[in-house]
C-alpha cells in the first residue's frame, strides 16, 4: 500500500507516520500493493481526528475518527475500515470491475455478515407543507433527532436534523 499522509495543525512526526503505516498497513491483506491510502491527521482544540480515504475502482472506502488522542483515533479508524470491508464486501466489489484493486484472497473469501441491513418497519404519513422552523419544532415535540417534511416554500421533500451544540441542519434536494 502506498501512503499519502498529511497533517493539518499537526506535524506528522516519524512516530505518527510509523503508527499510521503500521495500523492501516494491517489492511494490506485486502488490497493490492499499488493501492493508495490517503490519510489526513488534524487537531482542533482537544479533538484529534484522522480521515482515511482509499479510492478503489468504482468506489471509495472512507472513515474518520475523533478522540482526545491521535493514537487512539488511528486504532479506531483501522477497526472501522476493516469492519466495513467485511460487511460490505459484496457491495464494494463488482466482480468484473473493482476486483482488480483487491487481493484475490479477499475477493474469494466469504465473510459472515453479522450486521446485515434489515428494514423491519415501514411508516407512512401525510406530509403537510410547513416551513423548516416549524419542522424543527415538530421534531422536538416528537423527541426525534430528524424530521421529514414537505417544504412550504419549495414544495420539495426536506429533512431537518439535530446537530451538535443545539443547532439544526436542513437537507434539501438539488434542483
C-alpha atoms as a PDB file:
ATOM      1  CA  UNK A   1       0.000   0.000   0.000  1.00  0.00           C
ATOM      2  CA  UNK A   2       1.161   3.497  -0.759  1.00  0.00           C
ATOM      3  CA  UNK A   3       0.518   6.051   1.979  1.00  0.00           C
ATOM      4  CA  UNK A   4      -0.140   9.750   1.397  1.00  0.00           C
ATOM      5  CA  UNK A   5      -0.130  11.291   4.892  1.00  0.00           C
ATOM      6  CA  UNK A   6      -0.770  14.981   5.511  1.00  0.00           C
ATOM      7  CA  UNK A   7      -1.250  16.948   8.706  1.00  0.00           C
ATOM      8  CA  UNK A   8      -3.459  19.948   9.441  1.00  0.00           C
ATOM      9  CA  UNK A   9      -2.489  21.874  12.568  1.00  0.00           C
ATOM     10  CA  UNK A  10      -0.173  18.995  13.439  1.00  0.00           C
ATOM     11  CA  UNK A  11       3.330  17.938  12.455  1.00  0.00           C
ATOM     12  CA  UNK A  12       3.394  14.433  11.059  1.00  0.00           C
ATOM     13  CA  UNK A  13       6.232  13.086  13.189  1.00  0.00           C
ATOM     14  CA  UNK A  14       8.112   9.900  12.423  1.00  0.00           C
ATOM     15  CA  UNK A  15       6.222   8.235  15.293  1.00  0.00           C
ATOM     16  CA  UNK A  16       2.813   9.227  13.931  1.00  0.00           C
ATOM     17  CA  UNK A  17       3.793   8.177  10.405  1.00  0.00           C
ATOM     18  CA  UNK A  18       5.025   4.801  11.705  1.00  0.00           C
ATOM     19  CA  UNK A  19       1.836   4.280  13.719  1.00  0.00           C
ATOM     20  CA  UNK A  20      -0.378   5.082  10.721  1.00  0.00           C
ATOM     21  CA  UNK A  21       1.617   2.823   8.415  1.00  0.00           C
ATOM     22  CA  UNK A  22       1.611   0.008  10.988  1.00  0.00           C
ATOM     23  CA  UNK A  23      -2.094   0.158  11.877  1.00  0.00           C
ATOM     24  CA  UNK A  24      -3.546   0.980   8.457  1.00  0.00           C
ATOM     25  CA  UNK A  25      -0.932  -1.347   6.958  1.00  0.00           C
ATOM     26  CA  UNK A  26      -2.843  -4.226   8.564  1.00  0.00           C
ATOM     27  CA  UNK A  27      -5.420  -3.638   5.825  1.00  0.00           C
ATOM     28  CA  UNK A  28      -2.791  -4.577   3.237  1.00  0.00           C
ATOM     29  CA  UNK A  29      -4.151  -8.127   3.262  1.00  0.00           C
ATOM     30  CA  UNK A  30      -7.245  -6.808   1.448  1.00  0.00           C
ATOM     31  CA  UNK A  31      -5.640  -4.576  -1.193  1.00  0.00           C
ATOM     32  CA  UNK A  32      -3.125  -4.857  -3.986  1.00  0.00           C
ATOM     33  CA  UNK A  33       0.326  -3.360  -3.257  1.00  0.00           C
ATOM     34  CA  UNK A  34      -0.234  -0.335  -5.536  1.00  0.00           C
ATOM     35  CA  UNK A  35      -3.392   0.815  -3.707  1.00  0.00           C
ATOM     36  CA  UNK A  36      -3.098   4.403  -2.452  1.00  0.00           C
ATOM     37  CA  UNK A  37      -4.264   5.309   1.038  1.00  0.00           C
ATOM     38  CA  UNK A  38      -4.898   8.987   1.746  1.00  0.00           C
ATOM     39  CA  UNK A  39      -4.591   9.871   5.438  1.00  0.00           C
ATOM     40  CA  UNK A  40      -5.256  13.306   6.914  1.00  0.00           C
ATOM     41  CA  UNK A  41      -4.382  13.948  10.555  1.00  0.00           C
ATOM     42  CA  UNK A  42      -5.773  17.099  12.137  1.00  0.00           C
ATOM     43  CA  UNK A  43      -6.036  18.670  15.571  1.00  0.00           C
ATOM     44  CA  UNK A  44      -8.574  21.257  16.710  1.00  0.00           C
ATOM     45  CA  UNK A  45      -8.513  22.065  20.408  1.00  0.00           C
ATOM     46  CA  UNK A  46      -8.649  18.648  22.104  1.00  0.00           C
ATOM     47  CA  UNK A  47     -10.044  16.846  19.039  1.00  0.00           C
ATOM     48  CA  UNK A  48      -7.526  14.551  17.331  1.00  0.00           C
ATOM     49  CA  UNK A  49      -9.065  13.494  14.020  1.00  0.00           C
ATOM     50  CA  UNK A  50      -7.901  11.034  11.388  1.00  0.00           C
ATOM     51  CA  UNK A  51      -9.545  10.724   7.983  1.00  0.00           C
ATOM     52  CA  UNK A  52      -8.674   7.750   5.804  1.00  0.00           C
ATOM     53  CA  UNK A  53      -9.767   7.529   2.172  1.00  0.00           C
ATOM     54  CA  UNK A  54      -8.969   4.562  -0.039  1.00  0.00           C
ATOM     55  CA  UNK A  55     -10.076   5.092  -3.634  1.00  0.00           C
ATOM     56  CA  UNK A  56     -10.721   1.838  -5.478  1.00  0.00           C
ATOM     57  CA  UNK A  57     -12.145   1.480  -8.946  1.00  0.00           C
ATOM     58  CA  UNK A  58     -15.805   2.412  -8.841  1.00  0.00           C
ATOM     59  CA  UNK A  59     -15.919   3.128  -5.095  1.00  0.00           C
ATOM     60  CA  UNK A  60     -14.347   4.926  -2.156  1.00  0.00           C
ATOM     61  CA  UNK A  61     -13.687   3.370   1.218  1.00  0.00           C
ATOM     62  CA  UNK A  62     -13.616   6.085   3.859  1.00  0.00           C
ATOM     63  CA  UNK A  63     -13.705   6.545   7.597  1.00  0.00           C
ATOM     64  CA  UNK A  64     -12.911   9.279  10.067  1.00  0.00           C
ATOM     65  CA  UNK A  65     -12.477   9.014  13.792  1.00  0.00           C
ATOM     66  CA  UNK A  66     -12.056  11.613  16.517  1.00  0.00           C
ATOM     67  CA  UNK A  67     -10.749  11.185  20.054  1.00  0.00           C
ATOM     68  CA  UNK A  68      -8.617  13.085  22.540  1.00  0.00           C
ATOM     69  CA  UNK A  69      -5.502  11.128  21.465  1.00  0.00           C
ATOM     70  CA  UNK A  70      -4.276  10.700  17.886  1.00  0.00           C
ATOM     71  CA  UNK A  71      -3.001   7.168  18.501  1.00  0.00           C
ATOM     72  CA  UNK A  72      -6.456   6.122  19.770  1.00  0.00           C
ATOM     73  CA  UNK A  73      -8.042   7.675  16.666  1.00  0.00           C
ATOM     74  CA  UNK A  74      -5.627   5.716  14.456  1.00  0.00           C
ATOM     75  CA  UNK A  75      -6.561   2.444  16.206  1.00  0.00           C
ATOM     76  CA  UNK A  76     -10.281   3.155  15.867  1.00  0.00           C
ATOM     77  CA  UNK A  77     -10.180   4.058  12.184  1.00  0.00           C
ATOM     78  CA  UNK A  78      -8.360   0.840  11.263  1.00  0.00           C
ATOM     79  CA  UNK A  79     -11.002  -1.258  13.049  1.00  0.00           C
ATOM     80  CA  UNK A  80     -13.855   0.621  11.361  1.00  0.00           C
ATOM     81  CA  UNK A  81     -12.432   0.214   7.849  1.00  0.00           C
ATOM     82  CA  UNK A  82     -11.775  -3.488   8.387  1.00  0.00           C
ATOM     83  CA  UNK A  83     -15.356  -3.933   9.591  1.00  0.00           C
ATOM     84  CA  UNK A  84     -16.633  -2.038   6.519  1.00  0.00           C
ATOM     85  CA  UNK A  85     -14.568  -4.224   4.192  1.00  0.00           C
ATOM     86  CA  UNK A  86     -16.017  -7.397   5.688  1.00  0.00           C
ATOM     87  CA  UNK A  87     -19.579  -6.125   5.994  1.00  0.00           C
ATOM     88  CA  UNK A  88     -19.954  -4.571   2.565  1.00  0.00           C
ATOM     89  CA  UNK A  89     -17.632  -6.852   0.586  1.00  0.00           C
ATOM     90  CA  UNK A  90     -20.242  -7.841  -1.986  1.00  0.00           C
ATOM     91  CA  UNK A  91     -21.346  -4.253  -2.468  1.00  0.00           C
ATOM     92  CA  UNK A  92     -17.811  -2.846  -2.676  1.00  0.00           C
ATOM     93  CA  UNK A  93     -16.542  -5.377  -5.170  1.00  0.00           C
ATOM     94  CA  UNK A  94     -18.133  -5.572  -8.576  1.00  0.00           C
ATOM     95  CA  UNK A  95     -16.555  -8.858  -9.624  1.00  0.00           C
ATOM     96  CA  UNK A  96     -15.893  -7.576 -13.147  1.00  0.00           C
ATOM     97  CA  UNK A  97     -14.501  -4.102 -12.410  1.00  0.00           C
ATOM     98  CA  UNK A  98     -13.376  -3.221  -8.892  1.00  0.00           C
ATOM     99  CA  UNK A  99     -11.874  -6.613  -8.093  1.00  0.00           C
ATOM    100  CA  UNK A 100      -8.559  -5.535  -9.603  1.00  0.00           C
ATOM    101  CA  UNK A 101      -7.961  -3.211  -6.606  1.00  0.00           C
ATOM    102  CA  UNK A 102      -8.270  -6.037  -4.108  1.00  0.00           C
ATOM    103  CA  UNK A 103      -6.254  -9.136  -3.323  1.00  0.00           C
ATOM    104  CA  UNK A 104      -7.587 -12.409  -4.712  1.00  0.00           C
ATOM    105  CA  UNK A 105      -7.905 -13.896  -1.187  1.00  0.00           C
ATOM    106  CA  UNK A 106     -10.218 -11.055  -0.095  1.00  0.00           C
ATOM    107  CA  UNK A 107     -12.399 -11.282  -3.203  1.00  0.00           C
ATOM    108  CA  UNK A 108     -12.838 -15.045  -2.901  1.00  0.00           C
ATOM    109  CA  UNK A 109     -13.318 -15.291   0.863  1.00  0.00           C
ATOM    110  CA  UNK A 110     -16.795 -15.252   2.334  1.00  0.00           C
ATOM    111  CA  UNK A 111     -17.301 -13.088   5.414  1.00  0.00           C
ATOM    112  CA  UNK A 112     -20.074 -13.533   7.943  1.00  0.00           C
ATOM    113  CA  UNK A 113     -22.422 -10.556   7.685  1.00  0.00           C
ATOM    114  CA  UNK A 114     -23.325 -10.092  11.376  1.00  0.00           C
ATOM    115  CA  UNK A 115     -24.918  -6.721  10.838  1.00  0.00           C
ATOM    116  CA  UNK A 116     -26.908  -7.381   7.689  1.00  0.00           C
ATOM    117  CA  UNK A 117     -29.156  -4.446   6.943  1.00  0.00           C
ATOM    118  CA  UNK A 118     -32.788  -5.321   7.574  1.00  0.00           C
ATOM    119  CA  UNK A 119     -35.712  -2.967   7.255  1.00  0.00           C
ATOM    120  CA  UNK A 120     -38.075  -4.144   9.963  1.00  0.00           C
ATOM    121  CA  UNK A 121     -40.646  -1.358   9.914  1.00  0.00           C
ATOM    122  CA  UNK A 122     -42.158   0.933   7.336  1.00  0.00           C
ATOM    123  CA  UNK A 123     -44.011   4.122   8.187  1.00  0.00           C
ATOM    124  CA  UNK A 124     -46.318   6.128   6.002  1.00  0.00           C
ATOM    125  CA  UNK A 125     -47.570   9.546   6.946  1.00  0.00           C
ATOM    126  CA  UNK A 126     -49.253  12.584   5.473  1.00  0.00           C
ATOM    127  CA  UNK A 127     -46.788  15.380   4.743  1.00  0.00           C
ATOM    128  CA  UNK A 128     -48.450  18.717   5.165  1.00  0.00           C
ATOM    129  CA  UNK A 129     -46.422  21.642   3.815  1.00  0.00           C
ATOM    130  CA  UNK A 130     -44.544  23.542   6.559  1.00  0.00           C
ATOM    131  CA  UNK A 131     -41.584  25.824   6.993  1.00  0.00           C
ATOM    132  CA  UNK A 132     -38.237  24.403   8.193  1.00  0.00           C
ATOM    133  CA  UNK A 133     -38.527  26.211  11.542  1.00  0.00           C
ATOM    134  CA  UNK A 134     -41.945  24.602  12.130  1.00  0.00           C
ATOM    135  CA  UNK A 135     -40.484  21.211  11.227  1.00  0.00           C
ATOM    136  CA  UNK A 136     -37.788  21.721  13.888  1.00  0.00           C
ATOM    137  CA  UNK A 137     -40.468  22.441  16.479  1.00  0.00           C
ATOM    138  CA  UNK A 138     -42.403  19.335  15.402  1.00  0.00           C
ATOM    139  CA  UNK A 139     -39.216  17.235  15.605  1.00  0.00           C
ATOM    140  CA  UNK A 140     -38.597  18.466  19.170  1.00  0.00           C
ATOM    141  CA  UNK A 141     -42.192  17.723  20.161  1.00  0.00           C
ATOM    142  CA  UNK A 142     -41.819  14.156  18.883  1.00  0.00           C
ATOM    143  CA  UNK A 143     -38.451  13.707  20.596  1.00  0.00           C
ATOM    144  CA  UNK A 144     -36.736  12.637  17.361  1.00  0.00           C
ATOM    145  CA  UNK A 145     -33.352  13.728  16.003  1.00  0.00           C
ATOM    146  CA  UNK A 146     -34.607  14.185  12.423  1.00  0.00           C
ATOM    147  CA  UNK A 147     -37.897  15.040  10.744  1.00  0.00           C
ATOM    148  CA  UNK A 148     -39.052  14.584   7.136  1.00  0.00           C
ATOM    149  CA  UNK A 149     -41.452  17.214   5.786  1.00  0.00           C
ATOM    150  CA  UNK A 150     -42.673  18.975   2.651  1.00  0.00           C
ATOM    151  CA  UNK A 151     -41.194  22.471   2.475  1.00  0.00           C
ATOM    152  CA  UNK A 152     -43.955  25.084   2.107  1.00  0.00           C
ATOM    153  CA  UNK A 153     -41.615  27.393   0.166  1.00  0.00           C
ATOM    154  CA  UNK A 154     -40.261  24.897  -2.386  1.00  0.00           C
ATOM    155  CA  UNK A 155     -42.852  22.070  -2.240  1.00  0.00           C
ATOM    156  CA  UNK A 156     -39.896  19.641  -2.100  1.00  0.00           C
ATOM    157  CA  UNK A 157     -39.365  16.921   0.497  1.00  0.00           C
ATOM    158  CA  UNK A 158     -36.761  18.105   3.050  1.00  0.00           C
ATOM    159  CA  UNK A 159     -35.249  16.773   6.265  1.00  0.00           C
ATOM    160  CA  UNK A 160     -34.315  18.762   9.361  1.00  0.00           C
ATOM    161  CA  UNK A 161     -31.951  17.197  11.869  1.00  0.00           C
ATOM    162  CA  UNK A 162     -30.313  17.953  15.208  1.00  0.00           C
ATOM    163  CA  UNK A 163     -26.650  18.875  15.162  1.00  0.00           C
ATOM    164  CA  UNK A 164     -24.139  19.116  17.985  1.00  0.00           C
ATOM    165  CA  UNK A 165     -24.341  22.308  20.005  1.00  0.00           C
ATOM    166  CA  UNK A 166     -28.147  22.629  19.937  1.00  0.00           C
ATOM    167  CA  UNK A 167     -28.237  23.652  16.287  1.00  0.00           C
ATOM    168  CA  UNK A 168     -30.201  22.249  13.362  1.00  0.00           C
ATOM    169  CA  UNK A 169     -29.432  21.203   9.813  1.00  0.00           C
ATOM    170  CA  UNK A 170     -31.615  21.160   6.710  1.00  0.00           C
ATOM    171  CA  UNK A 171     -31.281  18.682   3.850  1.00  0.00           C
ATOM    172  CA  UNK A 172     -32.768  19.783   0.549  1.00  0.00           C
ATOM    173  CA  UNK A 173     -32.742  18.032  -2.820  1.00  0.00           C
ATOM    174  CA  UNK A 174     -30.760  19.635  -5.622  1.00  0.00           C
ATOM    175  CA  UNK A 175     -32.954  21.141  -8.287  1.00  0.00           C
END
